Amino acid sequence: MAGFRYHAGHRVWEELTVGDRLELVREPDNRFDPHAVRIEWHGEKLGYVPRRENATLARALDRGDPLRACINRLVWHPNPRERIRFEVFVD
C-alpha cells in the first residue's frame, strides 16, 4: 500500500485484522496521479493502491463496477508499504 506511513495506518495498526473490509475511493483530481485510488478502513485513510497497480481499478471504479476489497495479510515490516496486503473482488 502506497503512502501508508503518511496517513492513519500507524494510529490504527493495532485495530486492523485480516478479513476487514476496505473501501476503494477514486481520486480523479489527484495532482500526483490521475488514476489514484484511495484505501480507507472505517473512514480512515490508510494510503493508496500503488501506481503500478491502480489503472485497472481506477477504470473499473469509473465504470461503476461493484468492487470489494479486504485485508488478506498483516505483517509488521520495516517498510510501511509491505505491512498490509489486500485483495479486490468484483461483486
PDB file of N, CA and C in Angstrom:
ATOM      1  N   MET A   1       0.850  -1.164   0.000  1.00  0.00           N
ATOM      2  CA  MET A   1       0.000   0.000   0.000  1.00  0.00           C
ATOM      3  C   MET A   1       0.898   1.231   0.000  1.00  0.00           C
ATOM      4  N   ALA A   2       0.672   2.102  -0.929  1.00  0.00           N
ATOM      5  CA  ALA A   2       1.466   3.325  -1.045  1.00  0.00           C
ATOM      6  C   ALA A   2       0.987   4.377  -0.049  1.00  0.00           C
ATOM      7  N   GLY A   3       1.915   5.124   0.513  1.00  0.00           N
ATOM      8  CA  GLY A   3       1.563   6.229   1.401  1.00  0.00           C
ATOM      9  C   GLY A   3       1.139   5.832   2.796  1.00  0.00           C
ATOM     10  N   PHE A   4       1.264   4.568   3.168  1.00  0.00           N
ATOM     11  CA  PHE A   4       0.802   4.089   4.470  1.00  0.00           C
ATOM     12  C   PHE A   4       1.396   4.898   5.611  1.00  0.00           C
ATOM     13  N   ARG A   5       2.660   5.252   5.515  1.00  0.00           N
ATOM     14  CA  ARG A   5       3.333   5.952   6.622  1.00  0.00           C
ATOM     15  C   ARG A   5       2.826   7.380   6.819  1.00  0.00           C
ATOM     16  N   TYR A   6       2.137   7.945   5.819  1.00  0.00           N
ATOM     17  CA  TYR A   6       1.708   9.343   5.891  1.00  0.00           C
ATOM     18  C   TYR A   6       0.276   9.540   6.361  1.00  0.00           C
ATOM     19  N   HIS A   7      -0.456   8.451   6.539  1.00  0.00           N
ATOM     20  CA  HIS A   7      -1.867   8.582   6.857  1.00  0.00           C
ATOM     21  C   HIS A   7      -2.180   7.876   8.179  1.00  0.00           C
ATOM     22  N   ALA A   8      -3.367   7.375   8.354  1.00  0.00           N
ATOM     23  CA  ALA A   8      -3.823   6.844   9.647  1.00  0.00           C
ATOM     24  C   ALA A   8      -3.291   5.453   9.980  1.00  0.00           C
ATOM     25  N   GLY A   9      -2.540   4.845   9.099  1.00  0.00           N
ATOM     26  CA  GLY A   9      -2.082   3.476   9.313  1.00  0.00           C
ATOM     27  C   GLY A   9      -1.395   3.231  10.636  1.00  0.00           C
ATOM     28  N   HIS A  10      -0.478   4.098  11.018  1.00  0.00           N
ATOM     29  CA  HIS A  10       0.241   3.912  12.282  1.00  0.00           C
ATOM     30  C   HIS A  10      -0.716   4.002  13.474  1.00  0.00           C
ATOM     31  N   ARG A  11      -1.670   4.888  13.400  1.00  0.00           N
ATOM     32  CA  ARG A  11      -2.596   5.107  14.505  1.00  0.00           C
ATOM     33  C   ARG A  11      -3.568   3.942  14.691  1.00  0.00           C
ATOM     34  N   VAL A  12      -3.993   3.311  13.595  1.00  0.00           N
ATOM     35  CA  VAL A  12      -4.995   2.247  13.691  1.00  0.00           C
ATOM     36  C   VAL A  12      -4.413   0.848  13.519  1.00  0.00           C
ATOM     37  N   TRP A  13      -3.092   0.731  13.381  1.00  0.00           N
ATOM     38  CA  TRP A  13      -2.447  -0.557  13.099  1.00  0.00           C
ATOM     39  C   TRP A  13      -2.945  -1.670  14.026  1.00  0.00           C
ATOM     40  N   GLU A  14      -3.003  -1.418  15.319  1.00  0.00           N
ATOM     41  CA  GLU A  14      -3.388  -2.442  16.294  1.00  0.00           C
ATOM     42  C   GLU A  14      -4.854  -2.875  16.146  1.00  0.00           C
ATOM     43  N   GLU A  15      -5.664  -2.086  15.476  1.00  0.00           N
ATOM     44  CA  GLU A  15      -7.082  -2.406  15.313  1.00  0.00           C
ATOM     45  C   GLU A  15      -7.378  -3.193  14.035  1.00  0.00           C
ATOM     46  N   LEU A  16      -6.472  -3.179  13.084  1.00  0.00           N
ATOM     47  CA  LEU A  16      -6.691  -3.859  11.812  1.00  0.00           C
ATOM     48  C   LEU A  16      -6.632  -5.368  11.985  1.00  0.00           C
ATOM     49  N   THR A  17      -7.502  -6.080  11.261  1.00  0.00           N
ATOM     50  CA  THR A  17      -7.481  -7.540  11.293  1.00  0.00           C
ATOM     51  C   THR A  17      -7.655  -8.087   9.880  1.00  0.00           C
ATOM     52  N   VAL A  18      -7.101  -9.271   9.665  1.00  0.00           N
ATOM     53  CA  VAL A  18      -7.279  -9.951   8.383  1.00  0.00           C
ATOM     54  C   VAL A  18      -8.775 -10.181   8.177  1.00  0.00           C
ATOM     55  N   GLY A  19      -9.233  -9.899   6.991  1.00  0.00           N
ATOM     56  CA  GLY A  19     -10.649 -10.034   6.656  1.00  0.00           C
ATOM     57  C   GLY A  19     -11.416  -8.733   6.730  1.00  0.00           C
ATOM     58  N   ASP A  20     -10.830  -7.705   7.344  1.00  0.00           N
ATOM     59  CA  ASP A  20     -11.514  -6.404   7.411  1.00  0.00           C
ATOM     60  C   ASP A  20     -11.776  -5.873   6.008  1.00  0.00           C
ATOM     61  N   ARG A  21     -12.940  -5.316   5.854  1.00  0.00           N
ATOM     62  CA  ARG A  21     -13.302  -4.708   4.574  1.00  0.00           C
ATOM     63  C   ARG A  21     -12.633  -3.344   4.423  1.00  0.00           C
ATOM     64  N   LEU A  22     -12.189  -3.054   3.221  1.00  0.00           N
ATOM     65  CA  LEU A  22     -11.587  -1.769   2.873  1.00  0.00           C
ATOM     66  C   LEU A  22     -12.435  -1.103   1.811  1.00  0.00           C
ATOM     67  N   GLU A  23     -12.475   0.205   1.829  1.00  0.00           N
ATOM     68  CA  GLU A  23     -13.197   0.947   0.803  1.00  0.00           C
ATOM     69  C   GLU A  23     -12.195   1.512  -0.192  1.00  0.00           C
ATOM     70  N   LEU A  24     -12.486   1.351  -1.472  1.00  0.00           N
ATOM     71  CA  LEU A  24     -11.668   1.916  -2.546  1.00  0.00           C
ATOM     72  C   LEU A  24     -12.367   3.167  -3.048  1.00  0.00           C
ATOM     73  N   VAL A  25     -11.667   4.290  -3.008  1.00  0.00           N
ATOM     74  CA  VAL A  25     -12.256   5.576  -3.365  1.00  0.00           C
ATOM     75  C   VAL A  25     -11.420   6.217  -4.460  1.00  0.00           C
ATOM     76  N   ARG A  26     -12.055   6.526  -5.571  1.00  0.00           N
ATOM     77  CA  ARG A  26     -11.349   7.188  -6.683  1.00  0.00           C
ATOM     78  C   ARG A  26     -11.033   8.628  -6.343  1.00  0.00           C
ATOM     79  N   GLU A  27      -9.866   9.063  -6.772  1.00  0.00           N
ATOM     80  CA  GLU A  27      -9.455  10.467  -6.663  1.00  0.00           C
ATOM     81  C   GLU A  27      -8.998  10.938  -8.045  1.00  0.00           C
ATOM     82  N   PRO A  28      -9.927  11.152  -8.982  1.00  0.00           N
ATOM     83  CA  PRO A  28      -9.544  11.520 -10.345  1.00  0.00           C
ATOM     84  C   PRO A  28      -8.835  12.865 -10.434  1.00  0.00           C
ATOM     85  N   ASP A  29      -9.004  13.718  -9.444  1.00  0.00           N
ATOM     86  CA  ASP A  29      -8.357  15.028  -9.458  1.00  0.00           C
ATOM     87  C   ASP A  29      -7.069  15.055  -8.643  1.00  0.00           C
ATOM     88  N   ASN A  30      -6.560  13.891  -8.277  1.00  0.00           N
ATOM     89  CA  ASN A  30      -5.312  13.812  -7.521  1.00  0.00           C
ATOM     90  C   ASN A  30      -4.185  14.405  -8.365  1.00  0.00           C
ATOM     91  N   ARG A  31      -3.468  15.373  -7.833  1.00  0.00           N
ATOM     92  CA  ARG A  31      -2.451  16.084  -8.624  1.00  0.00           C
ATOM     93  C   ARG A  31      -1.207  15.248  -8.880  1.00  0.00           C
ATOM     94  N   PHE A  32      -1.029  14.156  -8.146  1.00  0.00           N
ATOM     95  CA  PHE A  32       0.145  13.311  -8.339  1.00  0.00           C
ATOM     96  C   PHE A  32      -0.117  12.134  -9.271  1.00  0.00           C
ATOM     97  N   ASP A  33      -1.377  11.694  -9.360  1.00  0.00           N
ATOM     98  CA  ASP A  33      -1.701  10.503 -10.155  1.00  0.00           C
ATOM     99  C   ASP A  33      -3.169  10.548 -10.579  1.00  0.00           C
ATOM    100  N   PRO A  34      -3.440  10.660 -11.874  1.00  0.00           N
ATOM    101  CA  PRO A  34      -4.836  10.715 -12.335  1.00  0.00           C
ATOM    102  C   PRO A  34      -5.590   9.400 -12.141  1.00  0.00           C
ATOM    103  N   HIS A  35      -4.880   8.306 -11.857  1.00  0.00           N
ATOM    104  CA  HIS A  35      -5.525   7.011 -11.610  1.00  0.00           C
ATOM    105  C   HIS A  35      -5.564   6.680 -10.117  1.00  0.00           C
ATOM    106  N   ALA A  36      -5.383   7.667  -9.264  1.00  0.00           N
ATOM    107  CA  ALA A  36      -5.296   7.428  -7.816  1.00  0.00           C
ATOM    108  C   ALA A  36      -6.556   6.760  -7.275  1.00  0.00           C
ATOM    109  N   VAL A  37      -6.320   5.738  -6.448  1.00  0.00           N
ATOM    110  CA  VAL A  37      -7.397   5.045  -5.736  1.00  0.00           C
ATOM    111  C   VAL A  37      -6.999   5.018  -4.260  1.00  0.00           C
ATOM    112  N   ARG A  38      -7.751   5.738  -3.451  1.00  0.00           N
ATOM    113  CA  ARG A  38      -7.503   5.824  -2.011  1.00  0.00           C
ATOM    114  C   ARG A  38      -8.075   4.588  -1.331  1.00  0.00           C
ATOM    115  N   ILE A  39      -7.396   4.132  -0.274  1.00  0.00           N
ATOM    116  CA  ILE A  39      -7.853   2.983   0.505  1.00  0.00           C
ATOM    117  C   ILE A  39      -8.249   3.482   1.887  1.00  0.00           C
ATOM    118  N   GLU A  40      -9.483   3.168   2.285  1.00  0.00           N
ATOM    119  CA  GLU A  40      -9.986   3.584   3.591  1.00  0.00           C
ATOM    120  C   GLU A  40     -10.440   2.374   4.398  1.00  0.00           C
ATOM    121  N   TRP A  41     -10.313   2.498   5.707  1.00  0.00           N
ATOM    122  CA  TRP A  41     -10.778   1.496   6.658  1.00  0.00           C
ATOM    123  C   TRP A  41     -11.597   2.234   7.708  1.00  0.00           C
ATOM    124  N   HIS A  42     -12.864   1.930   7.809  1.00  0.00           N
ATOM    125  CA  HIS A  42     -13.772   2.595   8.765  1.00  0.00           C
ATOM    126  C   HIS A  42     -13.656   4.122   8.666  1.00  0.00           C
ATOM    127  N   GLY A  43     -13.559   4.631   7.455  1.00  0.00           N
ATOM    128  CA  GLY A  43     -13.489   6.073   7.239  1.00  0.00           C
ATOM    129  C   GLY A  43     -12.113   6.677   7.435  1.00  0.00           C
ATOM    130  N   GLU A  44     -11.127   5.870   7.796  1.00  0.00           N
ATOM    131  CA  GLU A  44      -9.757   6.340   7.994  1.00  0.00           C
ATOM    132  C   GLU A  44      -8.944   6.076   6.730  1.00  0.00           C
ATOM    133  N   LYS A  45      -8.261   7.081   6.253  1.00  0.00           N
ATOM    134  CA  LYS A  45      -7.422   6.943   5.062  1.00  0.00           C
ATOM    135  C   LYS A  45      -6.142   6.205   5.439  1.00  0.00           C
ATOM    136  N   LEU A  46      -5.938   5.028   4.817  1.00  0.00           N
ATOM    137  CA  LEU A  46      -4.727   4.245   5.087  1.00  0.00           C
ATOM    138  C   LEU A  46      -3.622   4.520   4.082  1.00  0.00           C
ATOM    139  N   GLY A  47      -3.984   4.829   2.856  1.00  0.00           N
ATOM    140  CA  GLY A  47      -3.000   5.053   1.806  1.00  0.00           C
ATOM    141  C   GLY A  47      -3.645   4.911   0.444  1.00  0.00           C
ATOM    142  N   TYR A  48      -2.854   4.451  -0.517  1.00  0.00           N
ATOM    143  CA  TYR A  48      -3.310   4.349  -1.906  1.00  0.00           C
ATOM    144  C   TYR A  48      -2.911   3.015  -2.516  1.00  0.00           C
ATOM    145  N   VAL A  49      -3.687   2.597  -3.512  1.00  0.00           N
ATOM    146  CA  VAL A  49      -3.276   1.472  -4.340  1.00  0.00           C
ATOM    147  C   VAL A  49      -2.004   1.917  -5.064  1.00  0.00           C
ATOM    148  N   PRO A  50      -0.956   1.099  -5.052  1.00  0.00           N
ATOM    149  CA  PRO A  50       0.280   1.503  -5.724  1.00  0.00           C
ATOM    150  C   PRO A  50       0.049   1.863  -7.192  1.00  0.00           C
ATOM    151  N   ARG A  51       0.774   2.846  -7.654  1.00  0.00           N
ATOM    152  CA  ARG A  51       0.626   3.370  -9.015  1.00  0.00           C
ATOM    153  C   ARG A  51       0.722   2.274 -10.076  1.00  0.00           C
ATOM    154  N   ARG A  52       1.621   1.334  -9.895  1.00  0.00           N
ATOM    155  CA  ARG A  52       1.800   0.270 -10.900  1.00  0.00           C
ATOM    156  C   ARG A  52       0.601  -0.666 -10.991  1.00  0.00           C
ATOM    157  N   GLU A  53      -0.328  -0.568 -10.010  1.00  0.00           N
ATOM    158  CA  GLU A  53      -1.477  -1.468  -9.968  1.00  0.00           C
ATOM    159  C   GLU A  53      -2.821  -0.758 -10.022  1.00  0.00           C
ATOM    160  N   ASN A  54      -2.838   0.571 -10.114  1.00  0.00           N
ATOM    161  CA  ASN A  54      -4.108   1.272  -9.910  1.00  0.00           C
ATOM    162  C   ASN A  54      -4.923   1.571 -11.166  1.00  0.00           C
ATOM    163  N   ALA A  55      -4.343   1.533 -12.350  1.00  0.00           N
ATOM    164  CA  ALA A  55      -5.070   1.947 -13.559  1.00  0.00           C
ATOM    165  C   ALA A  55      -6.302   1.074 -13.815  1.00  0.00           C
ATOM    166  N   THR A  56      -6.162  -0.229 -13.686  1.00  0.00           N
ATOM    167  CA  THR A  56      -7.297  -1.129 -13.932  1.00  0.00           C
ATOM    168  C   THR A  56      -8.401  -0.906 -12.900  1.00  0.00           C
ATOM    169  N   LEU A  57      -8.011  -0.756 -11.638  1.00  0.00           N
ATOM    170  CA  LEU A  57      -9.016  -0.498 -10.601  1.00  0.00           C
ATOM    171  C   LEU A  57      -9.691   0.857 -10.806  1.00  0.00           C
ATOM    172  N   ALA A  58      -8.909   1.862 -11.201  1.00  0.00           N
ATOM    173  CA  ALA A  58      -9.483   3.189 -11.444  1.00  0.00           C
ATOM    174  C   ALA A  58     -10.530   3.119 -12.555  1.00  0.00           C
ATOM    175  N   ARG A  59     -10.211   2.418 -13.636  1.00  0.00           N
ATOM    176  CA  ARG A  59     -11.177   2.291 -14.735  1.00  0.00           C
ATOM    177  C   ARG A  59     -12.436   1.561 -14.272  1.00  0.00           C
ATOM    178  N   ALA A  60     -12.262   0.505 -13.494  1.00  0.00           N
ATOM    179  CA  ALA A  60     -13.421  -0.252 -13.001  1.00  0.00           C
ATOM    180  C   ALA A  60     -14.291   0.623 -12.099  1.00  0.00           C
ATOM    181  N   LEU A  61     -13.673   1.383 -11.214  1.00  0.00           N
ATOM    182  CA  LEU A  61     -14.446   2.280 -10.347  1.00  0.00           C
ATOM    183  C   LEU A  61     -15.136   3.370 -11.155  1.00  0.00           C
ATOM    184  N   ASP A  62     -14.457   3.895 -12.156  1.00  0.00           N
ATOM    185  CA  ASP A  62     -15.054   4.928 -13.009  1.00  0.00           C
ATOM    186  C   ASP A  62     -16.277   4.399 -13.766  1.00  0.00           C
ATOM    187  N   ARG A  63     -16.261   3.114 -14.114  1.00  0.00           N
ATOM    188  CA  ARG A  63     -17.402   2.486 -14.805  1.00  0.00           C
ATOM    189  C   ARG A  63     -18.532   2.156 -13.836  1.00  0.00           C
ATOM    190  N   GLY A  64     -18.231   2.204 -12.540  1.00  0.00           N
ATOM    191  CA  GLY A  64     -19.245   1.847 -11.553  1.00  0.00           C
ATOM    192  C   GLY A  64     -19.264   0.368 -11.211  1.00  0.00           C
ATOM    193  N   ASP A  65     -18.207  -0.355 -11.581  1.00  0.00           N
ATOM    194  CA  ASP A  65     -18.148  -1.777 -11.245  1.00  0.00           C
ATOM    195  C   ASP A  65     -18.190  -1.945  -9.725  1.00  0.00           C
ATOM    196  N   PRO A  66     -18.926  -2.942  -9.236  1.00  0.00           N
ATOM    197  CA  PRO A  66     -19.035  -3.160  -7.792  1.00  0.00           C
ATOM    198  C   PRO A  66     -17.799  -3.883  -7.246  1.00  0.00           C
ATOM    199  N   LEU A  67     -16.818  -3.132  -6.794  1.00  0.00           N
ATOM    200  CA  LEU A  67     -15.587  -3.717  -6.264  1.00  0.00           C
ATOM    201  C   LEU A  67     -15.660  -3.814  -4.747  1.00  0.00           C
ATOM    202  N   ARG A  68     -15.076  -4.877  -4.244  1.00  0.00           N
ATOM    203  CA  ARG A  68     -14.991  -5.106  -2.799  1.00  0.00           C
ATOM    204  C   ARG A  68     -13.541  -5.437  -2.491  1.00  0.00           C
ATOM    205  N   ALA A  69     -13.003  -4.848  -1.437  1.00  0.00           N
ATOM    206  CA  ALA A  69     -11.624  -5.107  -1.045  1.00  0.00           C
ATOM    207  C   ALA A  69     -11.577  -5.510   0.423  1.00  0.00           C
ATOM    208  N   CYS A  70     -10.620  -6.378   0.754  1.00  0.00           N
ATOM    209  CA  CYS A  70     -10.444  -6.756   2.156  1.00  0.00           C
ATOM    210  C   CYS A  70      -8.980  -7.080   2.424  1.00  0.00           C
ATOM    211  N   ILE A  71      -8.601  -6.933   3.676  1.00  0.00           N
ATOM    212  CA  ILE A  71      -7.231  -7.223   4.099  1.00  0.00           C
ATOM    213  C   ILE A  71      -7.031  -8.736   4.084  1.00  0.00           C
ATOM    214  N   ASN A  72      -5.955  -9.187   3.431  1.00  0.00           N
ATOM    215  CA  ASN A  72      -5.670 -10.624   3.453  1.00  0.00           C
ATOM    216  C   ASN A  72      -4.358 -10.961   4.147  1.00  0.00           C
ATOM    217  N   ARG A  73      -3.569  -9.929   4.540  1.00  0.00           N
ATOM    218  CA  ARG A  73      -2.333 -10.190   5.279  1.00  0.00           C
ATOM    219  C   ARG A  73      -1.892  -8.933   6.002  1.00  0.00           C
ATOM    220  N   LEU A  74      -1.484  -9.094   7.236  1.00  0.00           N
ATOM    221  CA  LEU A  74      -0.907  -8.019   8.043  1.00  0.00           C
ATOM    222  C   LEU A  74       0.418  -8.526   8.600  1.00  0.00           C
ATOM    223  N   VAL A  75       1.493  -7.805   8.321  1.00  0.00           N
ATOM    224  CA  VAL A  75       2.817  -8.197   8.798  1.00  0.00           C
ATOM    225  C   VAL A  75       3.563  -6.944   9.202  1.00  0.00           C
ATOM    226  N   TRP A  76       4.114  -6.938  10.426  1.00  0.00           N
ATOM    227  CA  TRP A  76       4.940  -5.803  10.806  1.00  0.00           C
ATOM    228  C   TRP A  76       6.224  -5.901   9.998  1.00  0.00           C
ATOM    229  N   HIS A  77       6.508  -4.877   9.225  1.00  0.00           N
ATOM    230  CA  HIS A  77       7.674  -4.835   8.335  1.00  0.00           C
ATOM    231  C   HIS A  77       8.294  -3.456   8.457  1.00  0.00           C
ATOM    232  N   PRO A  78       9.622  -3.354   8.394  1.00  0.00           N
ATOM    233  CA  PRO A  78      10.239  -2.034   8.489  1.00  0.00           C
ATOM    234  C   PRO A  78       9.821  -1.083   7.365  1.00  0.00           C
ATOM    235  N   ASN A  79       9.469  -1.644   6.214  1.00  0.00           N
ATOM    236  CA  ASN A  79       8.974  -0.839   5.097  1.00  0.00           C
ATOM    237  C   ASN A  79       7.452  -0.763   5.214  1.00  0.00           C
ATOM    238  N   PRO A  80       6.895   0.408   5.544  1.00  0.00           N
ATOM    239  CA  PRO A  80       5.444   0.520   5.726  1.00  0.00           C
ATOM    240  C   PRO A  80       4.625   0.053   4.526  1.00  0.00           C
ATOM    241  N   ARG A  81       5.179   0.146   3.321  1.00  0.00           N
ATOM    242  CA  ARG A  81       4.453  -0.306   2.115  1.00  0.00           C
ATOM    243  C   ARG A  81       4.161  -1.796   2.151  1.00  0.00           C
ATOM    244  N   GLU A  82       4.903  -2.545   2.925  1.00  0.00           N
ATOM    245  CA  GLU A  82       4.779  -4.003   2.947  1.00  0.00           C
ATOM    246  C   GLU A  82       3.909  -4.532   4.081  1.00  0.00           C
ATOM    247  N   ARG A  83       3.340  -3.684   4.891  1.00  0.00           N
ATOM    248  CA  ARG A  83       2.627  -4.128   6.089  1.00  0.00           C
ATOM    249  C   ARG A  83       1.229  -4.666   5.831  1.00  0.00           C
ATOM    250  N   ILE A  84       0.541  -4.123   4.850  1.00  0.00           N
ATOM    251  CA  ILE A  84      -0.829  -4.562   4.567  1.00  0.00           C
ATOM    252  C   ILE A  84      -0.904  -5.068   3.139  1.00  0.00           C
ATOM    253  N   ARG A  85      -1.465  -6.244   2.987  1.00  0.00           N
ATOM    254  CA  ARG A  85      -1.801  -6.782   1.665  1.00  0.00           C
ATOM    255  C   ARG A  85      -3.311  -6.906   1.613  1.00  0.00           C
ATOM    256  N   PHE A  86      -3.875  -6.648   0.463  1.00  0.00           N
ATOM    257  CA  PHE A  86      -5.326  -6.719   0.340  1.00  0.00           C
ATOM    258  C   PHE A  86      -5.695  -7.339  -0.995  1.00  0.00           C
ATOM    259  N   GLU A  87      -6.918  -7.841  -1.041  1.00  0.00           N
ATOM    260  CA  GLU A  87      -7.473  -8.439  -2.258  1.00  0.00           C
ATOM    261  C   GLU A  87      -8.653  -7.591  -2.707  1.00  0.00           C
ATOM    262  N   VAL A  88      -8.879  -7.597  -4.012  1.00  0.00           N
ATOM    263  CA  VAL A  88     -10.018  -6.873  -4.575  1.00  0.00           C
ATOM    264  C   VAL A  88     -10.853  -7.867  -5.367  1.00  0.00           C
ATOM    265  N   PHE A  89     -12.153  -7.823  -5.162  1.00  0.00           N
ATOM    266  CA  PHE A  89     -13.096  -8.708  -5.827  1.00  0.00           C
ATOM    267  C   PHE A  89     -14.161  -7.880  -6.540  1.00  0.00           C
ATOM    268  N   VAL A  90     -14.701  -8.446  -7.600  1.00  0.00           N
ATOM    269  CA  VAL A  90     -15.865  -7.847  -8.266  1.00  0.00           C
ATOM    270  C   VAL A  90     -17.081  -8.574  -7.746  1.00  0.00           C
ATOM    271  N   ASP A  91     -18.020  -7.812  -7.165  1.00  0.00           N
ATOM    272  CA  ASP A  91     -19.261  -8.438  -6.650  1.00  0.00           C
ATOM    273  C   ASP A  91     -20.230  -8.706  -7.776  1.00  0.00           C
TER     274      ASP A  91
END
